[in-house]
């Protein structure tokens, strides 16, 4: 018994439909944002406050989103910001950047541009010289996404 034309077409269509599912199942899962933050802080508690996160609430193009972070700190040898981590919820990588500072930086203020794959919450966490962590978050609505995996 040889397969008829409909059986061959149906089988071919089934293979075409299964291919994206199989490819998606082979792709590694995205690390959750909470896990990336836990790795950055070593499991230490993160307190809200002392960090200012400024970014536009509505972003026309996710390819270049301005972001500025300030931390309330005298930036002295006894009390300064060691590093600042930036995290997101929906980009392929949850940990965007780590910025290293020290008392010679003078001010705990940085500005950069990041890419956003979709509308999401951005979180900045500052590690202080005493080992405490402070944070701030901001939401951004993105109309044209970046970082989209094909």
C-alpha atoms as a PDB file:
ATOM      1  CA  UNK A   1       0.000   0.000   0.000  1.00  0.00           C
ATOM      2  CA  UNK A   2       1.529   3.290  -1.059  1.00  0.00           C
ATOM      3  CA  UNK A   3       0.647   6.543   0.691  1.00  0.00           C
ATOM      4  CA  UNK A   4      -1.720   8.812  -1.164  1.00  0.00           C
ATOM      5  CA  UNK A   5      -1.080  12.479  -1.927  1.00  0.00           C
ATOM      6  CA  UNK A   6      -3.018  13.741   1.121  1.00  0.00           C
ATOM      7  CA  UNK A   7      -1.030  11.592   3.535  1.00  0.00           C
ATOM      8  CA  UNK A   8       2.266  12.843   2.110  1.00  0.00           C
ATOM      9  CA  UNK A   9       1.151  16.494   2.296  1.00  0.00           C
ATOM     10  CA  UNK A  10      -0.192  16.066   5.838  1.00  0.00           C
ATOM     11  CA  UNK A  11       3.070  14.439   6.953  1.00  0.00           C
ATOM     12  CA  UNK A  12       5.138  17.227   5.398  1.00  0.00           C
ATOM     13  CA  UNK A  13       2.981  19.876   7.046  1.00  0.00           C
ATOM     14  CA  UNK A  14       3.392  18.103  10.385  1.00  0.00           C
ATOM     15  CA  UNK A  15       7.186  18.192  10.064  1.00  0.00           C
ATOM     16  CA  UNK A  16       7.129  21.891   9.178  1.00  0.00           C
ATOM     17  CA  UNK A  17       4.971  22.658  12.223  1.00  0.00           C
ATOM     18  CA  UNK A  18       7.093  20.531  14.587  1.00  0.00           C
ATOM     19  CA  UNK A  19      10.408  22.100  13.591  1.00  0.00           C
ATOM     20  CA  UNK A  20       9.905  25.456  15.436  1.00  0.00           C
ATOM     21  CA  UNK A  21       8.682  23.589  18.519  1.00  0.00           C
ATOM     22  CA  UNK A  22      11.736  21.327  18.472  1.00  0.00           C
ATOM     23  CA  UNK A  23      14.079  24.285  17.978  1.00  0.00           C
ATOM     24  CA  UNK A  24      12.466  26.164  20.863  1.00  0.00           C
ATOM     25  CA  UNK A  25      12.822  23.147  23.141  1.00  0.00           C
ATOM     26  CA  UNK A  26      16.578  23.003  22.433  1.00  0.00           C
ATOM     27  CA  UNK A  27      17.091  26.686  23.303  1.00  0.00           C
ATOM     28  CA  UNK A  28      18.315  27.152  26.893  1.00  0.00           C
ATOM     29  CA  UNK A  29      15.850  28.722  29.273  1.00  0.00           C
ATOM     30  CA  UNK A  30      16.349  32.341  30.272  1.00  0.00           C
ATOM     31  CA  UNK A  31      17.711  32.729  33.781  1.00  0.00           C
ATOM     32  CA  UNK A  32      15.061  34.316  36.028  1.00  0.00           C
ATOM     33  CA  UNK A  33      15.777  37.893  37.079  1.00  0.00           C
ATOM     34  CA  UNK A  34      15.473  36.977  40.774  1.00  0.00           C
ATOM     35  CA  UNK A  35      18.219  34.352  40.353  1.00  0.00           C
ATOM     36  CA  UNK A  36      20.522  36.851  38.614  1.00  0.00           C
ATOM     37  CA  UNK A  37      19.957  39.337  41.449  1.00  0.00           C
ATOM     38  CA  UNK A  38      20.630  36.616  44.039  1.00  0.00           C
ATOM     39  CA  UNK A  39      23.946  35.800  42.338  1.00  0.00           C
ATOM     40  CA  UNK A  40      24.882  39.514  42.286  1.00  0.00           C
ATOM     41  CA  UNK A  41      24.084  40.028  45.995  1.00  0.00           C
ATOM     42  CA  UNK A  42      25.211  36.614  47.211  1.00  0.00           C
ATOM     43  CA  UNK A  43      21.767  36.191  48.777  1.00  0.00           C
ATOM     44  CA  UNK A  44      22.062  39.323  50.952  1.00  0.00           C
ATOM     45  CA  UNK A  45      18.873  41.341  51.499  1.00  0.00           C
ATOM     46  CA  UNK A  46      18.231  44.261  49.132  1.00  0.00           C
ATOM     47  CA  UNK A  47      16.708  47.415  50.628  1.00  0.00           C
ATOM     48  CA  UNK A  48      14.680  49.940  48.641  1.00  0.00           C
ATOM     49  CA  UNK A  49      16.073  53.482  48.607  1.00  0.00           C
ATOM     50  CA  UNK A  50      19.327  55.452  48.250  1.00  0.00           C
ATOM     51  CA  UNK A  51      19.377  54.634  44.515  1.00  0.00           C
ATOM     52  CA  UNK A  52      17.880  56.875  41.841  1.00  0.00           C
ATOM     53  CA  UNK A  53      17.024  55.315  38.491  1.00  0.00           C
ATOM     54  CA  UNK A  54      16.056  57.716  35.722  1.00  0.00           C
ATOM     55  CA  UNK A  55      14.819  56.491  32.356  1.00  0.00           C
ATOM     56  CA  UNK A  56      11.978  57.512  30.073  1.00  0.00           C
ATOM     57  CA  UNK A  57       8.678  55.781  30.882  1.00  0.00           C
ATOM     58  CA  UNK A  58       7.762  55.564  27.181  1.00  0.00           C
ATOM     59  CA  UNK A  59      10.510  54.416  24.805  1.00  0.00           C
ATOM     60  CA  UNK A  60       9.950  54.711  21.073  1.00  0.00           C
ATOM     61  CA  UNK A  61      12.922  52.528  20.090  1.00  0.00           C
ATOM     62  CA  UNK A  62      14.244  49.750  22.350  1.00  0.00           C
ATOM     63  CA  UNK A  63      17.621  49.720  20.572  1.00  0.00           C
ATOM     64  CA  UNK A  64      18.914  52.708  22.556  1.00  0.00           C
ATOM     65  CA  UNK A  65      17.296  53.553  25.868  1.00  0.00           C
ATOM     66  CA  UNK A  66      18.976  56.245  28.002  1.00  0.00           C
ATOM     67  CA  UNK A  67      19.462  55.261  31.622  1.00  0.00           C
ATOM     68  CA  UNK A  68      21.063  57.192  34.494  1.00  0.00           C
ATOM     69  CA  UNK A  69      21.705  55.929  38.013  1.00  0.00           C
ATOM     70  CA  UNK A  70      22.628  57.942  41.090  1.00  0.00           C
ATOM     71  CA  UNK A  71      23.344  56.653  44.588  1.00  0.00           C
ATOM     72  CA  UNK A  72      23.224  58.672  47.801  1.00  0.00           C
ATOM     73  CA  UNK A  73      26.774  58.264  49.068  1.00  0.00           C
ATOM     74  CA  UNK A  74      29.549  60.615  50.210  1.00  0.00           C
ATOM     75  CA  UNK A  75      31.982  58.460  48.182  1.00  0.00           C
ATOM     76  CA  UNK A  76      34.565  58.582  50.974  1.00  0.00           C
ATOM     77  CA  UNK A  77      36.970  55.794  51.873  1.00  0.00           C
ATOM     78  CA  UNK A  78      34.649  54.728  54.705  1.00  0.00           C
ATOM     79  CA  UNK A  79      31.333  54.988  52.807  1.00  0.00           C
ATOM     80  CA  UNK A  80      31.240  54.495  49.041  1.00  0.00           C
ATOM     81  CA  UNK A  81      29.589  52.519  46.267  1.00  0.00           C
ATOM     82  CA  UNK A  82      31.537  49.428  45.203  1.00  0.00           C
ATOM     83  CA  UNK A  83      29.402  48.420  42.241  1.00  0.00           C
ATOM     84  CA  UNK A  84      26.017  48.878  40.600  1.00  0.00           C
ATOM     85  CA  UNK A  85      24.163  46.082  38.823  1.00  0.00           C
ATOM     86  CA  UNK A  86      21.363  46.656  36.313  1.00  0.00           C
ATOM     87  CA  UNK A  87      18.760  43.926  35.756  1.00  0.00           C
ATOM     88  CA  UNK A  88      15.713  43.482  33.503  1.00  0.00           C
ATOM     89  CA  UNK A  89      12.741  41.157  33.227  1.00  0.00           C
ATOM     90  CA  UNK A  90      12.400  40.302  29.534  1.00  0.00           C
ATOM     91  CA  UNK A  91      15.696  40.645  27.659  1.00  0.00           C
ATOM     92  CA  UNK A  92      17.497  37.410  26.702  1.00  0.00           C
ATOM     93  CA  UNK A  93      20.030  38.075  29.510  1.00  0.00           C
ATOM     94  CA  UNK A  94      18.607  39.383  32.828  1.00  0.00           C
ATOM     95  CA  UNK A  95      21.892  40.928  34.022  1.00  0.00           C
ATOM     96  CA  UNK A  96      22.478  43.956  31.795  1.00  0.00           C
ATOM     97  CA  UNK A  97      25.676  45.435  33.241  1.00  0.00           C
ATOM     98  CA  UNK A  98      27.831  45.727  36.364  1.00  0.00           C
ATOM     99  CA  UNK A  99      29.499  49.100  36.929  1.00  0.00           C
ATOM    100  CA  UNK A 100      32.438  49.240  39.351  1.00  0.00           C
ATOM    101  CA  UNK A 101      33.009  52.415  41.372  1.00  0.00           C
ATOM    102  CA  UNK A 102      35.204  53.451  44.281  1.00  0.00           C
ATOM    103  CA  UNK A 103      35.866  56.434  46.527  1.00  0.00           C
ATOM    104  CA  UNK A 104      38.006  58.110  43.854  1.00  0.00           C
ATOM    105  CA  UNK A 105      34.989  58.272  41.510  1.00  0.00           C
ATOM    106  CA  UNK A 106      33.927  61.448  43.343  1.00  0.00           C
ATOM    107  CA  UNK A 107      30.216  60.970  42.624  1.00  0.00           C
ATOM    108  CA  UNK A 108      28.059  57.883  42.553  1.00  0.00           C
ATOM    109  CA  UNK A 109      26.425  58.741  39.231  1.00  0.00           C
ATOM    110  CA  UNK A 110      26.544  56.938  35.899  1.00  0.00           C
ATOM    111  CA  UNK A 111      24.726  57.288  32.584  1.00  0.00           C
ATOM    112  CA  UNK A 112      24.552  54.840  29.701  1.00  0.00           C
ATOM    113  CA  UNK A 113      22.229  53.413  27.077  1.00  0.00           C
ATOM    114  CA  UNK A 114      20.767  49.919  27.083  1.00  0.00           C
ATOM    115  CA  UNK A 115      18.660  47.781  24.755  1.00  0.00           C
ATOM    116  CA  UNK A 116      15.206  46.583  25.766  1.00  0.00           C
ATOM    117  CA  UNK A 117      13.441  43.652  24.143  1.00  0.00           C
ATOM    118  CA  UNK A 118       9.967  44.643  25.338  1.00  0.00           C
ATOM    119  CA  UNK A 119       8.073  46.721  27.869  1.00  0.00           C
ATOM    120  CA  UNK A 120       9.483  45.740  31.252  1.00  0.00           C
ATOM    121  CA  UNK A 121      10.796  46.700  34.676  1.00  0.00           C
ATOM    122  CA  UNK A 122      14.452  47.691  35.087  1.00  0.00           C
ATOM    123  CA  UNK A 123      16.122  47.355  38.500  1.00  0.00           C
ATOM    124  CA  UNK A 124      19.383  48.954  39.644  1.00  0.00           C
ATOM    125  CA  UNK A 125      21.116  47.575  42.745  1.00  0.00           C
ATOM    126  CA  UNK A 126      24.051  49.303  44.438  1.00  0.00           C
ATOM    127  CA  UNK A 127      26.517  47.450  46.659  1.00  0.00           C
ATOM    128  CA  UNK A 128      27.931  49.749  49.340  1.00  0.00           C
ATOM    129  CA  UNK A 129      31.335  49.486  51.014  1.00  0.00           C
ATOM    130  CA  UNK A 130      29.656  48.204  54.214  1.00  0.00           C
ATOM    131  CA  UNK A 131      28.198  45.235  52.291  1.00  0.00           C
ATOM    132  CA  UNK A 132      24.598  46.488  52.232  1.00  0.00           C
ATOM    133  CA  UNK A 133      22.555  46.589  49.022  1.00  0.00           C
ATOM    134  CA  UNK A 134      20.133  49.344  47.970  1.00  0.00           C
ATOM    135  CA  UNK A 135      17.844  49.392  44.952  1.00  0.00           C
ATOM    136  CA  UNK A 136      15.429  51.268  42.724  1.00  0.00           C
ATOM    137  CA  UNK A 137      13.205  50.134  39.863  1.00  0.00           C
ATOM    138  CA  UNK A 138      11.517  51.804  36.912  1.00  0.00           C
ATOM    139  CA  UNK A 139       9.059  50.614  34.291  1.00  0.00           C
ATOM    140  CA  UNK A 140       9.504  51.317  30.590  1.00  0.00           C
ATOM    141  CA  UNK A 141       6.961  50.857  27.818  1.00  0.00           C
ATOM    142  CA  UNK A 142       8.753  49.993  24.563  1.00  0.00           C
ATOM    143  CA  UNK A 143       6.953  50.553  21.245  1.00  0.00           C
ATOM    144  CA  UNK A 144       9.680  49.110  18.954  1.00  0.00           C
ATOM    145  CA  UNK A 145      11.475  46.168  20.564  1.00  0.00           C
ATOM    146  CA  UNK A 146      15.188  45.311  20.402  1.00  0.00           C
ATOM    147  CA  UNK A 147      17.086  42.136  21.439  1.00  0.00           C
ATOM    148  CA  UNK A 148      14.545  39.895  19.727  1.00  0.00           C
ATOM    149  CA  UNK A 149      15.863  36.386  19.155  1.00  0.00           C
ATOM    150  CA  UNK A 150      15.057  34.989  15.712  1.00  0.00           C
END
